[in-house]
N, C-alpha and C. Protein backbone atom coordinates (compact mmCIF):
# COMPACT_ATOMS: atom_id res chain seq x y z
N GLN A 1 -12.99 46.17 -55.96
CA GLN A 1 -13.84 44.88 -55.50
C GLN A 1 -14.93 45.56 -56.47
N VAL A 2 -16.11 44.98 -56.58
CA VAL A 2 -17.19 44.39 -57.36
C VAL A 2 -18.64 44.30 -56.92
N GLN A 3 -19.30 45.31 -56.73
CA GLN A 3 -20.57 44.76 -56.16
C GLN A 3 -21.89 44.95 -57.41
N LEU A 4 -22.46 43.91 -57.04
CA LEU A 4 -23.51 43.32 -58.14
C LEU A 4 -24.59 43.36 -57.43
N VAL A 5 -25.94 43.37 -58.06
CA VAL A 5 -26.87 43.86 -57.76
C VAL A 5 -28.10 43.20 -58.93
N GLU A 6 -28.75 42.38 -58.89
CA GLU A 6 -29.37 41.19 -59.66
C GLU A 6 -30.98 42.30 -59.38
N SER A 7 -31.55 41.79 -60.40
CA SER A 7 -32.92 42.30 -60.62
C SER A 7 -33.80 41.71 -61.93
N GLY A 8 -35.02 41.80 -61.35
CA GLY A 8 -35.90 41.28 -63.11
C GLY A 8 -36.84 40.08 -62.30
N GLY A 9 -36.27 39.14 -61.07
CA GLY A 9 -37.36 38.24 -60.83
C GLY A 9 -38.26 38.08 -60.91
N GLY A 10 -39.45 37.18 -60.96
CA GLY A 10 -40.49 36.89 -60.41
C GLY A 10 -41.50 35.83 -60.78
N LEU A 11 -42.43 35.41 -60.33
CA LEU A 11 -43.87 34.64 -60.31
C LEU A 11 -44.10 34.75 -61.80
N VAL A 12 -44.14 33.63 -62.58
CA VAL A 12 -44.63 33.36 -63.75
C VAL A 12 -45.36 32.28 -64.22
N GLN A 13 -46.15 31.83 -65.09
CA GLN A 13 -46.56 30.63 -65.76
C GLN A 13 -45.74 29.93 -66.53
N ALA A 14 -45.43 28.82 -66.60
CA ALA A 14 -45.09 28.31 -67.37
C ALA A 14 -44.85 28.65 -68.74
N GLY A 15 -43.63 28.97 -69.71
CA GLY A 15 -44.03 29.34 -71.16
C GLY A 15 -43.71 30.83 -71.33
N GLY A 16 -43.76 31.45 -69.93
CA GLY A 16 -43.76 32.80 -69.65
C GLY A 16 -41.85 33.42 -70.15
N SER A 17 -41.84 34.70 -69.62
CA SER A 17 -40.62 35.00 -69.95
C SER A 17 -40.40 36.07 -69.00
N LEU A 18 -39.20 36.40 -68.39
CA LEU A 18 -38.51 37.64 -67.97
C LEU A 18 -37.06 38.06 -67.95
N ARG A 19 -36.70 38.69 -68.20
CA ARG A 19 -35.61 39.58 -68.53
C ARG A 19 -35.17 40.01 -66.61
N LEU A 20 -33.35 39.37 -66.51
CA LEU A 20 -32.88 39.49 -65.29
C LEU A 20 -31.86 40.27 -65.37
N SER A 21 -31.71 41.41 -64.76
CA SER A 21 -30.89 42.11 -64.79
C SER A 21 -29.50 41.98 -63.90
N CYS A 22 -28.75 42.40 -63.74
CA CYS A 22 -26.90 42.83 -63.05
C CYS A 22 -26.76 43.84 -63.22
N VAL A 23 -26.56 44.84 -62.34
CA VAL A 23 -25.78 45.74 -62.50
C VAL A 23 -25.01 45.86 -61.59
N ALA A 24 -23.46 46.38 -62.01
CA ALA A 24 -22.33 46.12 -61.28
C ALA A 24 -21.85 47.63 -61.20
N SER A 25 -20.84 47.57 -60.41
CA SER A 25 -20.36 48.89 -60.03
C SER A 25 -18.90 48.84 -59.25
N GLY A 26 -18.24 49.80 -58.92
CA GLY A 26 -16.93 49.23 -58.51
C GLY A 26 -15.83 49.55 -59.26
N ASN A 27 -14.82 48.09 -58.99
CA ASN A 27 -13.34 48.16 -60.01
C ASN A 27 -14.36 47.27 -61.27
N ILE A 28 -15.12 47.54 -62.01
CA ILE A 28 -15.73 46.76 -63.03
C ILE A 28 -14.33 46.81 -64.40
N ARG A 29 -13.07 46.72 -64.19
CA ARG A 29 -12.22 47.01 -65.20
C ARG A 29 -11.61 45.32 -64.65
N SER A 30 -11.90 44.93 -63.91
CA SER A 30 -11.07 43.38 -63.50
C SER A 30 -12.14 42.47 -63.82
N ILE A 31 -13.11 43.05 -64.44
CA ILE A 31 -14.33 41.72 -65.12
C ILE A 31 -13.70 41.38 -65.96
N GLY A 32 -13.55 39.65 -66.71
CA GLY A 32 -12.86 39.05 -67.43
C GLY A 32 -14.30 38.16 -68.06
N VAL A 33 -14.86 38.11 -67.03
CA VAL A 33 -15.66 37.15 -67.23
C VAL A 33 -17.46 37.33 -66.54
N MET A 34 -19.13 37.44 -66.97
CA MET A 34 -19.66 37.30 -66.13
C MET A 34 -20.50 36.54 -66.66
N GLY A 35 -21.01 35.83 -65.20
CA GLY A 35 -22.30 34.89 -64.97
C GLY A 35 -23.08 34.78 -64.39
N TRP A 36 -24.43 33.75 -65.08
CA TRP A 36 -25.62 33.39 -63.59
C TRP A 36 -25.99 32.66 -63.37
N TYR A 37 -25.73 32.22 -62.62
CA TYR A 37 -26.16 30.99 -61.82
C TYR A 37 -26.95 30.91 -61.45
N ARG A 38 -27.83 29.75 -60.63
CA ARG A 38 -29.34 29.33 -60.39
C ARG A 38 -28.91 28.55 -59.08
N GLN A 39 -29.34 28.48 -57.84
CA GLN A 39 -30.04 27.57 -57.10
C GLN A 39 -30.79 27.38 -56.41
N ALA A 40 -31.45 26.13 -56.93
CA ALA A 40 -33.06 25.97 -56.34
C ALA A 40 -32.66 25.52 -54.75
N PRO A 41 -34.20 25.24 -53.86
CA PRO A 41 -34.00 24.53 -52.57
C PRO A 41 -33.72 23.79 -52.62
N GLY A 42 -32.24 23.33 -51.70
CA GLY A 42 -31.97 21.91 -51.40
C GLY A 42 -30.49 21.42 -52.44
N LYS A 43 -30.40 22.32 -53.59
CA LYS A 43 -29.18 22.10 -54.09
C LYS A 43 -28.24 22.76 -54.71
N GLN A 44 -27.20 22.36 -54.76
CA GLN A 44 -26.67 23.28 -54.95
C GLN A 44 -26.19 24.14 -56.26
N ARG A 45 -25.20 25.53 -55.99
CA ARG A 45 -25.50 26.31 -56.89
C ARG A 45 -24.99 26.40 -58.27
N ASP A 46 -25.35 26.56 -59.28
CA ASP A 46 -24.68 25.99 -61.03
C ASP A 46 -24.84 27.15 -62.10
N LEU A 47 -23.77 26.98 -62.65
CA LEU A 47 -23.48 28.20 -63.90
C LEU A 47 -24.84 27.58 -64.76
N VAL A 48 -25.08 28.76 -65.18
CA VAL A 48 -26.17 28.83 -66.48
C VAL A 48 -25.82 29.40 -67.47
N ALA A 49 -25.15 30.68 -67.19
CA ALA A 49 -24.58 30.76 -68.73
C ALA A 49 -23.46 31.51 -67.92
N ILE A 50 -22.50 32.24 -69.35
CA ILE A 50 -21.35 33.37 -69.15
C ILE A 50 -21.11 33.86 -70.41
N ILE A 51 -20.70 34.86 -70.05
CA ILE A 51 -19.69 35.77 -71.01
C ILE A 51 -18.98 36.67 -71.19
N SER A 52 -18.14 36.83 -71.65
CA SER A 52 -16.79 36.97 -71.58
C SER A 52 -16.24 38.20 -72.06
N THR A 53 -15.38 39.34 -71.72
CA THR A 53 -15.27 40.17 -72.54
C THR A 53 -15.04 40.62 -74.04
N ARG A 54 -14.68 39.14 -74.76
CA ARG A 54 -15.11 39.66 -76.38
C ARG A 54 -16.30 38.71 -76.49
N ASP A 55 -17.42 38.95 -75.61
CA ASP A 55 -18.83 38.73 -76.05
C ASP A 55 -19.22 36.54 -76.45
N GLU A 56 -17.70 36.16 -75.85
CA GLU A 56 -17.94 34.85 -75.92
C GLU A 56 -19.33 34.13 -74.97
N VAL A 57 -19.58 33.85 -75.19
CA VAL A 57 -20.93 33.03 -74.43
C VAL A 57 -21.13 31.34 -74.69
N GLU A 58 -21.56 31.04 -73.63
CA GLU A 58 -21.54 29.39 -73.19
C GLU A 58 -23.04 29.51 -72.30
N TYR A 59 -23.80 27.93 -72.71
CA TYR A 59 -24.88 28.01 -72.07
C TYR A 59 -25.37 26.13 -71.36
N VAL A 60 -25.43 26.25 -69.91
CA VAL A 60 -25.23 24.84 -70.09
C VAL A 60 -26.56 24.20 -70.72
N ASP A 61 -26.38 22.81 -70.99
CA ASP A 61 -27.54 22.44 -71.96
C ASP A 61 -28.95 22.53 -72.02
N SER A 62 -29.54 22.45 -70.66
CA SER A 62 -30.77 22.65 -70.30
C SER A 62 -31.25 23.75 -70.63
N VAL A 63 -30.73 25.07 -70.66
CA VAL A 63 -31.18 26.21 -71.11
C VAL A 63 -31.22 26.93 -72.80
N LYS A 64 -30.31 25.82 -73.29
CA LYS A 64 -29.80 26.45 -74.37
C LYS A 64 -30.99 26.61 -75.50
N GLY A 65 -31.28 27.54 -76.29
CA GLY A 65 -32.38 28.07 -76.66
C GLY A 65 -33.20 28.97 -76.51
N ARG A 66 -33.07 29.02 -75.19
CA ARG A 66 -34.66 29.62 -74.37
C ARG A 66 -33.70 30.36 -73.77
N PHE A 67 -32.39 30.98 -73.00
CA PHE A 67 -31.69 31.83 -72.30
C PHE A 67 -30.87 32.78 -73.25
N THR A 68 -30.74 33.91 -73.01
CA THR A 68 -30.01 34.27 -74.18
C THR A 68 -29.14 35.51 -72.68
N ILE A 69 -27.86 35.74 -72.77
CA ILE A 69 -26.65 36.28 -71.97
C ILE A 69 -26.47 37.45 -72.92
N SER A 70 -26.45 38.53 -72.11
CA SER A 70 -25.79 40.01 -72.93
C SER A 70 -25.39 40.93 -71.80
N ARG A 71 -24.74 42.46 -72.78
CA ARG A 71 -24.11 43.11 -71.68
C ARG A 71 -23.97 44.58 -72.16
N ASP A 72 -23.62 45.06 -71.59
CA ASP A 72 -23.55 46.40 -71.50
C ASP A 72 -21.89 46.27 -72.02
N ASN A 73 -21.56 47.27 -72.97
CA ASN A 73 -20.07 47.64 -72.78
C ASN A 73 -19.33 47.84 -71.89
N GLY A 74 -18.03 47.27 -71.31
CA GLY A 74 -17.72 47.41 -69.70
C GLY A 74 -18.11 46.97 -68.83
N PHE A 75 -19.33 45.40 -69.16
CA PHE A 75 -19.46 44.86 -67.96
C PHE A 75 -20.83 45.75 -67.04
N ARG A 76 -20.88 46.63 -67.33
CA ARG A 76 -21.87 47.87 -66.06
C ARG A 76 -23.22 47.19 -66.09
N GLY A 77 -23.81 46.23 -66.84
CA GLY A 77 -24.71 45.79 -66.99
C GLY A 77 -24.75 44.36 -67.62
N VAL A 78 -25.20 43.06 -66.72
CA VAL A 78 -25.27 41.98 -68.19
C VAL A 78 -26.48 41.66 -67.68
N TYR A 79 -27.37 40.88 -68.73
CA TYR A 79 -28.61 40.49 -68.47
C TYR A 79 -28.98 38.77 -69.13
N LEU A 80 -30.08 38.51 -68.58
CA LEU A 80 -30.21 37.16 -68.94
C LEU A 80 -31.47 37.11 -69.23
N GLN A 81 -32.21 37.32 -70.38
CA GLN A 81 -33.50 36.76 -70.88
C GLN A 81 -33.75 35.54 -71.12
N VAL A 82 -34.72 35.13 -70.12
CA VAL A 82 -35.34 33.51 -69.44
C VAL A 82 -36.59 33.68 -70.61
N ASN A 83 -36.97 32.82 -71.81
CA ASN A 83 -38.19 32.69 -72.09
C ASN A 83 -38.28 31.16 -72.27
N SER A 84 -39.54 30.81 -72.24
CA SER A 84 -39.98 29.60 -72.42
C SER A 84 -39.78 29.11 -71.20
N LEU A 85 -40.19 29.30 -70.24
CA LEU A 85 -39.55 28.73 -68.56
C LEU A 85 -40.22 27.18 -68.46
N MET A 86 -40.34 27.17 -67.59
CA MET A 86 -40.36 25.67 -66.95
C MET A 86 -40.13 25.34 -65.69
N PRO A 87 -41.09 25.23 -64.81
CA PRO A 87 -41.01 24.95 -63.67
C PRO A 87 -39.89 24.70 -62.90
N GLU A 88 -38.90 23.35 -63.89
CA GLU A 88 -37.87 22.94 -63.28
C GLU A 88 -36.74 24.50 -62.78
N ASP A 89 -36.99 25.36 -63.83
CA ASP A 89 -36.27 26.83 -63.92
C ASP A 89 -36.46 27.64 -62.52
N THR A 90 -37.72 26.92 -61.69
CA THR A 90 -37.41 27.83 -60.24
C THR A 90 -36.61 27.74 -59.70
N ALA A 91 -35.99 28.93 -59.30
CA ALA A 91 -34.66 29.06 -58.61
C ALA A 91 -34.15 30.32 -58.02
N GLY A 92 -32.95 30.39 -56.94
CA GLY A 92 -32.70 31.97 -56.79
C GLY A 92 -31.86 32.11 -57.95
N TYR A 93 -31.57 33.14 -58.66
CA TYR A 93 -30.89 33.41 -59.85
C TYR A 93 -29.37 34.23 -59.60
N TYR A 94 -27.98 34.36 -59.82
CA TYR A 94 -27.18 34.81 -59.03
C TYR A 94 -26.17 35.33 -60.06
N CYS A 95 -25.68 36.79 -60.33
CA CYS A 95 -25.14 37.13 -60.96
C CYS A 95 -23.42 36.91 -59.99
N ALA A 96 -22.56 36.31 -60.84
CA ALA A 96 -21.48 36.57 -60.40
C ALA A 96 -20.05 36.69 -61.57
N ALA A 97 -18.73 37.56 -60.63
CA ALA A 97 -17.91 38.50 -61.77
C ALA A 97 -16.70 37.25 -61.59
N ASN A 98 -16.19 37.06 -62.92
CA ASN A 98 -14.99 36.51 -62.55
C ASN A 98 -14.81 34.38 -61.84
N PHE A 99 -15.94 33.91 -62.19
CA PHE A 99 -16.87 32.97 -61.89
C PHE A 99 -16.56 32.88 -60.02
N GLY A 100 -17.29 33.67 -59.62
CA GLY A 100 -17.04 33.76 -58.29
C GLY A 100 -16.45 34.13 -57.04
N GLN A 101 -15.80 35.43 -57.75
CA GLN A 101 -14.89 36.25 -57.17
C GLN A 101 -15.97 36.88 -56.22
N CYS A 102 -16.76 37.73 -57.18
CA CYS A 102 -17.70 38.68 -56.53
C CYS A 102 -18.75 37.96 -56.68
N TRP A 103 -20.24 37.97 -55.83
CA TRP A 103 -22.17 37.61 -56.17
C TRP A 103 -22.70 38.83 -55.70
N GLY A 104 -23.40 38.39 -56.40
CA GLY A 104 -24.83 39.37 -56.28
C GLY A 104 -25.87 39.15 -54.93
N GLN A 105 -27.26 39.11 -54.60
CA GLN A 105 -27.72 38.75 -53.50
C GLN A 105 -28.85 38.25 -54.19
N GLY A 106 -28.92 37.95 -55.77
CA GLY A 106 -29.55 36.81 -56.18
C GLY A 106 -31.24 37.25 -56.77
N THR A 107 -32.01 37.16 -57.15
CA THR A 107 -33.09 37.38 -57.74
C THR A 107 -33.85 35.88 -58.11
N GLN A 108 -35.03 35.93 -57.06
CA GLN A 108 -36.23 34.59 -57.12
C GLN A 108 -36.95 34.64 -58.42
N VAL A 109 -36.67 33.62 -59.10
CA VAL A 109 -37.65 33.46 -60.07
C VAL A 109 -38.20 31.83 -59.59
N THR A 110 -39.89 32.12 -59.95
CA THR A 110 -41.02 31.28 -59.30
C THR A 110 -41.23 30.72 -60.92
N VAL A 111 -41.87 29.11 -61.49
CA VAL A 111 -42.29 29.38 -62.36
C VAL A 111 -43.33 28.01 -62.07
N SER A 112 -45.05 28.77 -62.24
CA SER A 112 -45.82 27.96 -62.11
C SER A 112 -45.87 26.86 -62.70
N SER A 113 -46.89 25.56 -63.04
CA SER A 113 -47.17 24.75 -63.78
C SER A 113 -48.51 25.15 -64.36
């Protein structure tokens, strides 16, 4: 079992930045891929970025060049640097292990125009 706790969200103006953190505990050796997802009110939860044990990364097109995913060795910490924020980035941001096998409780990012 893996436990995930996110932090780092907040209210920022358009163009601002945040660094989201996800701390993992428990059976972290079972983690092969960690991802950040986001869910806006009334919308489905969508994948934003993923990182593998080989540090291979993938991003959804809408965040390429603005968001950067990174991790500590062993997946104890996974981070999402979010830059050049836009109001449409407003959402709850969640980290998940192994494509949704385990989820954190989320951290809210709100971007004002």
